[in-house]
Amino acid sequence: MIDVSNLYSREVICIFPIEIPTPEGDIYAFTAIDVASTVAFEPLVEKNNGIDNLLNYIQQLVRDEKFLINKDQPFTLVLHKYEQYFPMIEQIIKPHKGVAVIVDEDLLLKTMTPFIENFYKMMGQTKQDAFPADLPDLPMEDMQFCFIDFVRVLPEQEDKGIKRFIGFAKETKNFRLTSDPKKLAEYLYKKLDPETTTGFQKTFLMFAELAPKNDIPKQYLKDQAAMLEGVNHILTLQNNDPNYPFADQLHPSRKNY
């Protein structure tokens, strides 16, 4: 196993496709984690874990905003298989300071297991067959989920507003990387119609409840009134802006919110 005792940020990155059961069949969330900082990069959800989707994910990874923070740092990718495709992977990563692709199951297991356990807890599921059934119990790391990380791995939702907001978020490139509800409100309020706004509010409250390792500022987590004020801040901004693009869709009860 690679010696991880003195790694720099982005020096070693593990990638693994997490299996997600759905009523329509399993899907896979390709996920990458920086071993040194335990930062989780933006995932990519696909219908299978084939090489084409892995290559697409690696191309997404090297453009990821978090990845580019340390763009001058040489890095090694760690996978659990795909050895026959290493030359193709190397062609993608070399222009971005990628120096090697290796298989290291021990390091992958140690790095990914806490994230996967948190992931399934966040999704309200138990750990499935992401790794073999005799997987050892490992200590939980201080993994933290940003709001958009949570949104992008959510399964299909029945609520129309939530469904619309998730669709908007997944299609938005460079979605703001914050879990502060007021900062999200400032970023989103002109972009969302009233129904999608309600979907955002419900999704954020779901995030606060289901993602135990979220990075919501503590003042909201400690005070329910502050949380509700933060979540409702988007309504205040929409109601008070005469140039809100969807003002004609506002319900009369919101006029003096």
C-alpha atoms as a PDB file:
ATOM      1  CA  MET A   1       0.000   0.000   0.000  1.00  0.00           C
ATOM      2  CA  ILE A   2       1.168   3.548  -0.725  1.00  0.00           C
ATOM      3  CA  ASP A   3       2.688   5.370   2.257  1.00  0.00           C
ATOM      4  CA  VAL A   4       0.087   8.051   2.990  1.00  0.00           C
ATOM      5  CA  SER A   5       1.731   9.551   6.066  1.00  0.00           C
ATOM      6  CA  ASN A   6       3.180  12.643   4.346  1.00  0.00           C
ATOM      7  CA  LEU A   7       1.007  13.230   1.322  1.00  0.00           C
ATOM      8  CA  TYR A   8       0.250  16.617  -0.162  1.00  0.00           C
ATOM      9  CA  SER A   9      -3.314  17.547  -1.125  1.00  0.00           C
ATOM     10  CA  ARG A  10      -4.275  15.997  -4.470  1.00  0.00           C
ATOM     11  CA  GLU A  11      -1.132  13.809  -4.555  1.00  0.00           C
ATOM     12  CA  VAL A  12      -3.106  10.545  -4.470  1.00  0.00           C
ATOM     13  CA  ILE A  13      -6.743  10.264  -5.592  1.00  0.00           C
ATOM     14  CA  CYS A  14      -8.905   7.152  -5.222  1.00  0.00           C
ATOM     15  CA  ILE A  15     -11.795   6.497  -7.612  1.00  0.00           C
ATOM     16  CA  PHE A  16     -14.551   3.968  -7.067  1.00  0.00           C
ATOM     17  CA  PRO A  17     -18.050   3.444  -8.592  1.00  0.00           C
ATOM     18  CA  ILE A  18     -20.487   3.185  -5.667  1.00  0.00           C
ATOM     19  CA  GLU A  19     -23.393   0.865  -6.390  1.00  0.00           C
ATOM     20  CA  ILE A  20     -26.828   2.408  -5.707  1.00  0.00           C
ATOM     21  CA  PRO A  21     -29.911   0.137  -5.759  1.00  0.00           C
ATOM     22  CA  THR A  22     -33.002   1.695  -7.376  1.00  0.00           C
ATOM     23  CA  PRO A  23     -36.402   0.250  -8.355  1.00  0.00           C
ATOM     24  CA  GLU A  24     -35.278   0.334 -12.010  1.00  0.00           C
ATOM     25  CA  GLY A  25     -31.990  -1.469 -11.282  1.00  0.00           C
ATOM     26  CA  ASP A  26     -28.574  -0.592  -9.909  1.00  0.00           C
ATOM     27  CA  ILE A  27     -26.856   2.633 -10.888  1.00  0.00           C
ATOM     28  CA  TYR A  28     -23.307   3.729 -10.094  1.00  0.00           C
ATOM     29  CA  ALA A  29     -21.982   6.954  -8.569  1.00  0.00           C
ATOM     30  CA  PHE A  30     -18.380   7.328  -9.725  1.00  0.00           C
ATOM     31  CA  THR A  31     -16.692   9.052  -6.806  1.00  0.00           C
ATOM     32  CA  ALA A  32     -13.154  10.369  -6.286  1.00  0.00           C
ATOM     33  CA  ILE A  33     -11.517  11.220  -2.960  1.00  0.00           C
ATOM     34  CA  ASP A  34      -8.246  13.006  -2.276  1.00  0.00           C
ATOM     35  CA  VAL A  35      -6.453  10.730   0.199  1.00  0.00           C
ATOM     36  CA  ALA A  36      -4.580  13.527   2.007  1.00  0.00           C
ATOM     37  CA  SER A  37      -7.438  15.977   2.575  1.00  0.00           C
ATOM     38  CA  THR A  38     -10.397  13.498   2.340  1.00  0.00           C
ATOM     39  CA  VAL A  39     -12.060  15.967  -0.046  1.00  0.00           C
ATOM     40  CA  ALA A  40     -14.726  14.261  -2.164  1.00  0.00           C
ATOM     41  CA  PHE A  41     -14.934  15.529  -5.722  1.00  0.00           C
ATOM     42  CA  GLU A  42     -18.174  15.914  -7.659  1.00  0.00           C
ATOM     43  CA  PRO A  43     -19.598  12.450  -8.461  1.00  0.00           C
ATOM     44  CA  LEU A  44     -20.971  11.209 -11.769  1.00  0.00           C
ATOM     45  CA  VAL A  45     -24.019   8.918 -11.750  1.00  0.00           C
ATOM     46  CA  GLU A  46     -24.260   6.397 -14.586  1.00  0.00           C
ATOM     47  CA  LYS A  47     -26.240   3.247 -15.404  1.00  0.00           C
ATOM     48  CA  ASN A  48     -23.167   0.990 -15.403  1.00  0.00           C
ATOM     49  CA  ASN A  49     -19.562   0.966 -14.209  1.00  0.00           C
ATOM     50  CA  GLY A  50     -18.020   0.289 -17.627  1.00  0.00           C
ATOM     51  CA  ILE A  51     -14.821   1.812 -18.924  1.00  0.00           C
ATOM     52  CA  ASP A  52     -16.584   4.442 -21.055  1.00  0.00           C
ATOM     53  CA  ASN A  53     -18.237   5.903 -17.977  1.00  0.00           C
ATOM     54  CA  LEU A  54     -14.995   5.725 -15.993  1.00  0.00           C
ATOM     55  CA  LEU A  55     -13.188   7.669 -18.724  1.00  0.00           C
ATOM     56  CA  ASN A  56     -16.008  10.234 -18.781  1.00  0.00           C
ATOM     57  CA  TYR A  57     -15.680  10.607 -15.028  1.00  0.00           C
ATOM     58  CA  ILE A  58     -11.926  11.118 -15.145  1.00  0.00           C
ATOM     59  CA  GLN A  59     -12.427  13.805 -17.786  1.00  0.00           C
ATOM     60  CA  GLN A  60     -14.951  15.457 -15.463  1.00  0.00           C
ATOM     61  CA  LEU A  61     -12.559  15.098 -12.512  1.00  0.00           C
ATOM     62  CA  VAL A  62      -9.688  16.989 -14.145  1.00  0.00           C
ATOM     63  CA  ARG A  63     -12.080  19.918 -14.756  1.00  0.00           C
ATOM     64  CA  ASP A  64     -13.532  19.826 -11.231  1.00  0.00           C
ATOM     65  CA  GLU A  65     -13.269  23.127  -9.344  1.00  0.00           C
ATOM     66  CA  LYS A  66     -11.899  21.410  -6.235  1.00  0.00           C
ATOM     67  CA  PHE A  67      -9.363  19.481  -8.319  1.00  0.00           C
ATOM     68  CA  LEU A  68      -8.059  22.664  -9.966  1.00  0.00           C
ATOM     69  CA  ILE A  69      -7.268  24.292  -6.615  1.00  0.00           C
ATOM     70  CA  ASN A  70      -3.991  22.315  -6.626  1.00  0.00           C
ATOM     71  CA  LYS A  71      -3.586  22.120 -10.398  1.00  0.00           C
ATOM     72  CA  ASP A  72       0.237  22.147 -10.246  1.00  0.00           C
ATOM     73  CA  GLN A  73       0.433  19.157  -7.894  1.00  0.00           C
ATOM     74  CA  PRO A  74       1.429  15.880  -9.646  1.00  0.00           C
ATOM     75  CA  PHE A  75      -0.979  13.089  -8.748  1.00  0.00           C
ATOM     76  CA  THR A  76      -1.533   9.342  -8.872  1.00  0.00           C
ATOM     77  CA  LEU A  77      -4.911   7.723  -9.532  1.00  0.00           C
ATOM     78  CA  VAL A  78      -5.854   4.616  -7.547  1.00  0.00           C
ATOM     79  CA  LEU A  79      -8.458   2.212  -8.976  1.00  0.00           C
ATOM     80  CA  HIS A  80      -9.740  -1.258  -8.127  1.00  0.00           C
ATOM     81  CA  LYS A  81      -9.469  -2.691 -11.669  1.00  0.00           C
ATOM     82  CA  TYR A  82      -9.389  -1.558 -15.334  1.00  0.00           C
ATOM     83  CA  GLU A  83      -5.653  -2.359 -15.735  1.00  0.00           C
ATOM     84  CA  GLN A  84      -6.030  -3.061 -19.470  1.00  0.00           C
ATOM     85  CA  TYR A  85      -7.263   0.505 -19.977  1.00  0.00           C
ATOM     86  CA  PHE A  86      -4.442   2.265 -18.103  1.00  0.00           C
ATOM     87  CA  PRO A  87      -2.858   3.641 -21.326  1.00  0.00           C
ATOM     88  CA  MET A  88      -6.161   5.352 -22.193  1.00  0.00           C
ATOM     89  CA  ILE A  89      -6.461   6.761 -18.668  1.00  0.00           C
ATOM     90  CA  GLU A  90      -2.871   8.009 -18.732  1.00  0.00           C
ATOM     91  CA  GLN A  91      -3.583   9.946 -21.916  1.00  0.00           C
ATOM     92  CA  ILE A  92      -6.317  11.843 -20.054  1.00  0.00           C
ATOM     93  CA  ILE A  93      -4.410  12.612 -16.870  1.00  0.00           C
ATOM     94  CA  LYS A  94      -0.888  13.362 -18.163  1.00  0.00           C
ATOM     95  CA  PRO A  95      -1.755  16.880 -19.433  1.00  0.00           C
ATOM     96  CA  HIS A  96      -3.066  17.609 -15.924  1.00  0.00           C
ATOM     97  CA  LYS A  97       0.043  16.484 -13.958  1.00  0.00           C
ATOM     98  CA  GLY A  98      -1.115  12.868 -13.662  1.00  0.00           C
ATOM     99  CA  VAL A  99       1.974  10.704 -13.197  1.00  0.00           C
ATOM    100  CA  ALA A 100       0.573   7.193 -12.688  1.00  0.00           C
ATOM    101  CA  VAL A 101      -2.465   4.920 -12.487  1.00  0.00           C
ATOM    102  CA  ILE A 102      -2.286   1.978 -10.114  1.00  0.00           C
ATOM    103  CA  VAL A 103      -4.415  -0.693  -8.460  1.00  0.00           C
ATOM    104  CA  ASP A 104      -4.119  -0.606  -4.655  1.00  0.00           C
ATOM    105  CA  GLU A 105      -7.074  -2.378  -3.084  1.00  0.00           C
ATOM    106  CA  ASP A 106      -5.900  -1.845   0.503  1.00  0.00           C
ATOM    107  CA  LEU A 107      -5.615   1.923   0.098  1.00  0.00           C
ATOM    108  CA  LEU A 108      -8.887   2.072  -1.828  1.00  0.00           C
ATOM    109  CA  LEU A 109     -10.642   0.105   0.920  1.00  0.00           C
ATOM    110  CA  LYS A 110      -9.254   2.312   3.683  1.00  0.00           C
ATOM    111  CA  THR A 111     -10.051   5.551   1.855  1.00  0.00           C
ATOM    112  CA  MET A 112     -13.450   4.782   0.376  1.00  0.00           C
ATOM    113  CA  THR A 113     -15.106   2.746   3.138  1.00  0.00           C
ATOM    114  CA  PRO A 114     -15.872   5.665   5.507  1.00  0.00           C
ATOM    115  CA  PHE A 115     -17.216   7.691   2.594  1.00  0.00           C
ATOM    116  CA  ILE A 116     -19.429   4.824   1.387  1.00  0.00           C
ATOM    117  CA  GLU A 117     -20.770   4.200   4.894  1.00  0.00           C
ATOM    118  CA  ASN A 118     -21.627   7.890   5.249  1.00  0.00           C
ATOM    119  CA  PHE A 119     -23.089   7.864   1.746  1.00  0.00           C
ATOM    120  CA  TYR A 120     -25.508   5.044   2.535  1.00  0.00           C
ATOM    121  CA  LYS A 121     -26.438   6.638   5.854  1.00  0.00           C
ATOM    122  CA  MET A 122     -27.143   9.869   4.005  1.00  0.00           C
ATOM    123  CA  MET A 123     -29.330   7.986   1.538  1.00  0.00           C
ATOM    124  CA  GLY A 124     -31.196   6.221   4.335  1.00  0.00           C
ATOM    125  CA  GLN A 125     -29.844   2.840   3.242  1.00  0.00           C
ATOM    126  CA  THR A 126     -27.538   0.237   4.681  1.00  0.00           C
ATOM    127  CA  LYS A 127     -24.227  -0.694   3.162  1.00  0.00           C
ATOM    128  CA  GLN A 128     -24.779  -2.953   0.171  1.00  0.00           C
ATOM    129  CA  ASP A 129     -22.265  -4.875  -1.899  1.00  0.00           C
ATOM    130  CA  ALA A 130     -20.002  -1.964  -2.721  1.00  0.00           C
ATOM    131  CA  PHE A 131     -17.188  -4.042  -1.198  1.00  0.00           C
ATOM    132  CA  PRO A 132     -17.074  -7.731  -0.189  1.00  0.00           C
ATOM    133  CA  ALA A 133     -19.375  -8.861   2.615  1.00  0.00           C
ATOM    134  CA  ASP A 134     -16.438  -9.445   5.002  1.00  0.00           C
ATOM    135  CA  LEU A 135     -15.454  -5.779   4.881  1.00  0.00           C
ATOM    136  CA  PRO A 136     -13.782  -4.867   8.189  1.00  0.00           C
ATOM    137  CA  ASP A 137     -15.204  -2.115  10.370  1.00  0.00           C
ATOM    138  CA  LEU A 138     -13.097   0.997   9.955  1.00  0.00           C
ATOM    139  CA  PRO A 139     -13.276   4.229  11.976  1.00  0.00           C
ATOM    140  CA  MET A 140     -15.462   6.931  10.457  1.00  0.00           C
ATOM    141  CA  GLU A 141     -13.574   9.875   8.985  1.00  0.00           C
ATOM    142  CA  ASP A 142     -14.688  13.482   9.243  1.00  0.00           C
ATOM    143  CA  MET A 143     -16.095  13.472   5.724  1.00  0.00           C
ATOM    144  CA  GLN A 144     -18.266  16.471   4.992  1.00  0.00           C
ATOM    145  CA  PHE A 145     -20.897  16.819   2.291  1.00  0.00           C
ATOM    146  CA  CYS A 146     -21.471  20.129   0.559  1.00  0.00           C
ATOM    147  CA  PHE A 147     -25.113  20.753  -0.384  1.00  0.00           C
ATOM    148  CA  ILE A 148     -24.538  20.245  -4.114  1.00  0.00           C
ATOM    149  CA  ASP A 149     -22.659  16.968  -3.443  1.00  0.00           C
ATOM    150  CA  PHE A 150     -25.776  15.707  -1.675  1.00  0.00           C
ATOM    151  CA  VAL A 151     -28.134  16.911  -4.425  1.00  0.00           C
ATOM    152  CA  ARG A 152     -26.168  15.271  -7.218  1.00  0.00           C
ATOM    153  CA  VAL A 153     -26.370  11.790  -5.694  1.00  0.00           C
ATOM    154  CA  LEU A 154     -30.058  11.936  -4.741  1.00  0.00           C
ATOM    155  CA  PRO A 155     -32.226   9.256  -6.375  1.00  0.00           C
ATOM    156  CA  GLU A 156     -35.439  10.098  -8.233  1.00  0.00           C
ATOM    157  CA  GLN A 157     -37.950  11.996  -6.072  1.00  0.00           C
ATOM    158  CA  GLU A 158     -41.743  12.025  -6.349  1.00  0.00           C
ATOM    159  CA  ASP A 159     -42.263  15.619  -5.173  1.00  0.00           C
ATOM    160  CA  LYS A 160     -42.538  17.792  -8.287  1.00  0.00           C
ATOM    161  CA  GLY A 161     -40.758  20.800  -6.806  1.00  0.00           C
ATOM    162  CA  ILE A 162     -37.871  18.722  -5.481  1.00  0.00           C
ATOM    163  CA  LYS A 163     -37.627  16.908  -8.808  1.00  0.00           C
ATOM    164  CA  ARG A 164     -37.442  20.229 -10.666  1.00  0.00           C
ATOM    165  CA  PHE A 165     -34.813  21.636  -8.322  1.00  0.00           C
ATOM    166  CA  ILE A 166     -32.632  18.510  -8.531  1.00  0.00           C
ATOM    167  CA  GLY A 167     -32.866  18.646 -12.323  1.00  0.00           C
ATOM    168  CA  PHE A 168     -31.843  22.307 -12.289  1.00  0.00           C
ATOM    169  CA  ALA A 169     -28.934  21.677  -9.911  1.00  0.00           C
ATOM    170  CA  LYS A 170     -27.579  18.683 -11.809  1.00  0.00           C
ATOM    171  CA  GLU A 171     -27.640  20.623 -15.079  1.00  0.00           C
ATOM    172  CA  THR A 172     -25.953  23.714 -13.597  1.00  0.00           C
ATOM    173  CA  LYS A 173     -22.202  23.850 -14.098  1.00  0.00           C
ATOM    174  CA  ASN A 174     -20.171  25.507 -11.330  1.00  0.00           C
ATOM    175  CA  PHE A 175     -23.052  25.391  -8.849  1.00  0.00           C
ATOM    176  CA  ARG A 176     -21.990  27.453  -5.842  1.00  0.00           C
ATOM    177  CA  LEU A 177     -19.986  25.363  -3.362  1.00  0.00           C
ATOM    178  CA  THR A 178     -21.606  26.375  -0.094  1.00  0.00           C
ATOM    179  CA  SER A 179     -24.035  24.905   2.416  1.00  0.00           C
ATOM    180  CA  ASP A 180     -24.980  28.241   3.945  1.00  0.00           C
ATOM    181  CA  PRO A 181     -28.727  28.632   3.178  1.00  0.00           C
ATOM    182  CA  LYS A 182     -28.528  32.428   2.938  1.00  0.00           C
ATOM    183  CA  LYS A 183     -25.605  32.343   0.527  1.00  0.00           C
ATOM    184  CA  LEU A 184     -27.443  29.735  -1.526  1.00  0.00           C
ATOM    185  CA  ALA A 185     -30.522  31.973  -1.491  1.00  0.00           C
ATOM    186  CA  GLU A 186     -28.512  34.907  -2.850  1.00  0.00           C
ATOM    187  CA  TYR A 187     -27.124  32.658  -5.583  1.00  0.00           C
ATOM    188  CA  LEU A 188     -30.430  30.991  -6.517  1.00  0.00           C
ATOM    189  CA  TYR A 189     -33.322  33.366  -5.955  1.00  0.00           C
ATOM    190  CA  LYS A 190     -33.450  34.895  -9.444  1.00  0.00           C
ATOM    191  CA  LYS A 191     -32.889  31.520 -11.098  1.00  0.00           C
ATOM    192  CA  LEU A 192     -35.824  29.622  -9.553  1.00  0.00           C
ATOM    193  CA  ASP A 193     -39.555  29.958 -10.099  1.00  0.00           C
ATOM    194  CA  PRO A 194     -41.793  29.596  -6.994  1.00  0.00           C
ATOM    195  CA  GLU A 195     -42.359  25.839  -7.378  1.00  0.00           C
ATOM    196  CA  THR A 196     -38.662  25.104  -7.856  1.00  0.00           C
ATOM    197  CA  THR A 197     -37.903  27.423  -4.939  1.00  0.00           C
ATOM    198  CA  THR A 198     -40.107  25.289  -2.697  1.00  0.00           C
ATOM    199  CA  GLY A 199     -38.241  22.260  -4.026  1.00  0.00           C
ATOM    200  CA  PHE A 200     -34.938  23.880  -3.041  1.00  0.00           C
ATOM    201  CA  GLN A 201     -36.212  24.551   0.483  1.00  0.00           C
ATOM    202  CA  LYS A 202     -37.427  20.972   0.935  1.00  0.00           C
ATOM    203  CA  THR A 203     -34.177  19.585  -0.485  1.00  0.00           C
ATOM    204  CA  PHE A 204     -32.075  21.716   1.868  1.00  0.00           C
ATOM    205  CA  LEU A 205     -34.055  20.548   4.904  1.00  0.00           C
ATOM    206  CA  MET A 206     -33.636  16.964   3.672  1.00  0.00           C
ATOM    207  CA  PHE A 207     -29.882  17.606   3.422  1.00  0.00           C
ATOM    208  CA  ALA A 208     -29.777  18.953   6.982  1.00  0.00           C
ATOM    209  CA  GLU A 209     -31.630  15.896   8.306  1.00  0.00           C
ATOM    210  CA  LEU A 210     -30.153  13.048   6.241  1.00  0.00           C
ATOM    211  CA  ALA A 211     -26.514  14.055   5.802  1.00  0.00           C
ATOM    212  CA  PRO A 212     -24.955  13.772   9.282  1.00  0.00           C
ATOM    213  CA  LYS A 213     -21.568  14.987   8.014  1.00  0.00           C
ATOM    214  CA  ASN A 214     -22.909  18.054   6.243  1.00  0.00           C
ATOM    215  CA  ASP A 215     -21.015  21.356   6.307  1.00  0.00           C
ATOM    216  CA  ILE A 216     -23.975  23.607   7.154  1.00  0.00           C
ATOM    217  CA  PRO A 217     -22.713  26.466   9.376  1.00  0.00           C
ATOM    218  CA  LYS A 218     -23.141  25.642  13.061  1.00  0.00           C
ATOM    219  CA  GLN A 219     -25.385  28.605  13.842  1.00  0.00           C
ATOM    220  CA  TYR A 220     -28.130  26.992  11.751  1.00  0.00           C
ATOM    221  CA  LEU A 221     -27.666  23.476  13.102  1.00  0.00           C
ATOM    222  CA  LYS A 222     -27.860  24.653  16.719  1.00  0.00           C
ATOM    223  CA  ASP A 223     -30.945  26.851  16.333  1.00  0.00           C
ATOM    224  CA  GLN A 224     -34.094  25.663  14.571  1.00  0.00           C
ATOM    225  CA  ALA A 225     -35.399  29.229  14.270  1.00  0.00           C
ATOM    226  CA  ALA A 226     -32.160  30.294  12.584  1.00  0.00           C
ATOM    227  CA  MET A 227     -32.411  27.310  10.253  1.00  0.00           C
ATOM    228  CA  LEU A 228     -35.948  28.224   9.200  1.00  0.00           C
ATOM    229  CA  GLU A 229     -34.957  31.859   8.748  1.00  0.00           C
ATOM    230  CA  GLY A 230     -32.039  30.779   6.567  1.00  0.00           C
ATOM    231  CA  VAL A 231     -34.161  28.448   4.449  1.00  0.00           C
ATOM    232  CA  ASN A 232     -36.844  31.127   4.019  1.00  0.00           C
ATOM    233  CA  HIS A 233     -34.345  33.850   3.110  1.00  0.00           C
ATOM    234  CA  ILE A 234     -34.827  33.012  -0.561  1.00  0.00           C
ATOM    235  CA  LEU A 235     -38.514  33.980  -0.268  1.00  0.00           C
ATOM    236  CA  THR A 236     -37.603  37.328   1.249  1.00  0.00           C
ATOM    237  CA  LEU A 237     -35.213  38.068  -1.594  1.00  0.00           C
ATOM    238  CA  GLN A 238     -37.756  37.106  -4.247  1.00  0.00           C
ATOM    239  CA  ASN A 239     -40.581  39.067  -2.658  1.00  0.00           C
ATOM    240  CA  ASN A 240     -38.521  42.228  -2.195  1.00  0.00           C
ATOM    241  CA  ASP A 241     -36.927  42.310  -5.645  1.00  0.00           C
ATOM    242  CA  PRO A 242     -39.128  44.153  -8.177  1.00  0.00           C
ATOM    243  CA  ASN A 243     -37.058  42.548 -10.932  1.00  0.00           C
ATOM    244  CA  TYR A 244     -37.617  38.961  -9.789  1.00  0.00           C
ATOM    245  CA  PRO A 245     -38.188  37.190 -13.155  1.00  0.00           C
ATOM    246  CA  PHE A 246     -41.089  35.047 -11.912  1.00  0.00           C
ATOM    247  CA  ALA A 247     -42.964  37.715  -9.927  1.00  0.00           C
ATOM    248  CA  ASP A 248     -46.166  37.032 -11.872  1.00  0.00           C
ATOM    249  CA  GLN A 249     -46.202  33.472 -10.476  1.00  0.00           C
ATOM    250  CA  LEU A 250     -46.000  34.482  -6.812  1.00  0.00           C
ATOM    251  CA  HIS A 251     -48.981  33.540  -4.664  1.00  0.00           C
ATOM    252  CA  PRO A 252     -50.721  36.578  -3.108  1.00  0.00           C
ATOM    253  CA  SER A 253     -49.923  35.245   0.379  1.00  0.00           C
ATOM    254  CA  ARG A 254     -46.230  35.891  -0.292  1.00  0.00           C
ATOM    255  CA  LYS A 255     -46.555  39.579  -1.069  1.00  0.00           C
ATOM    256  CA  ASN A 256     -45.797  40.704   2.462  1.00  0.00           C
ATOM    257  CA  TYR A 257     -43.656  37.778   3.512  1.00  0.00           C
END
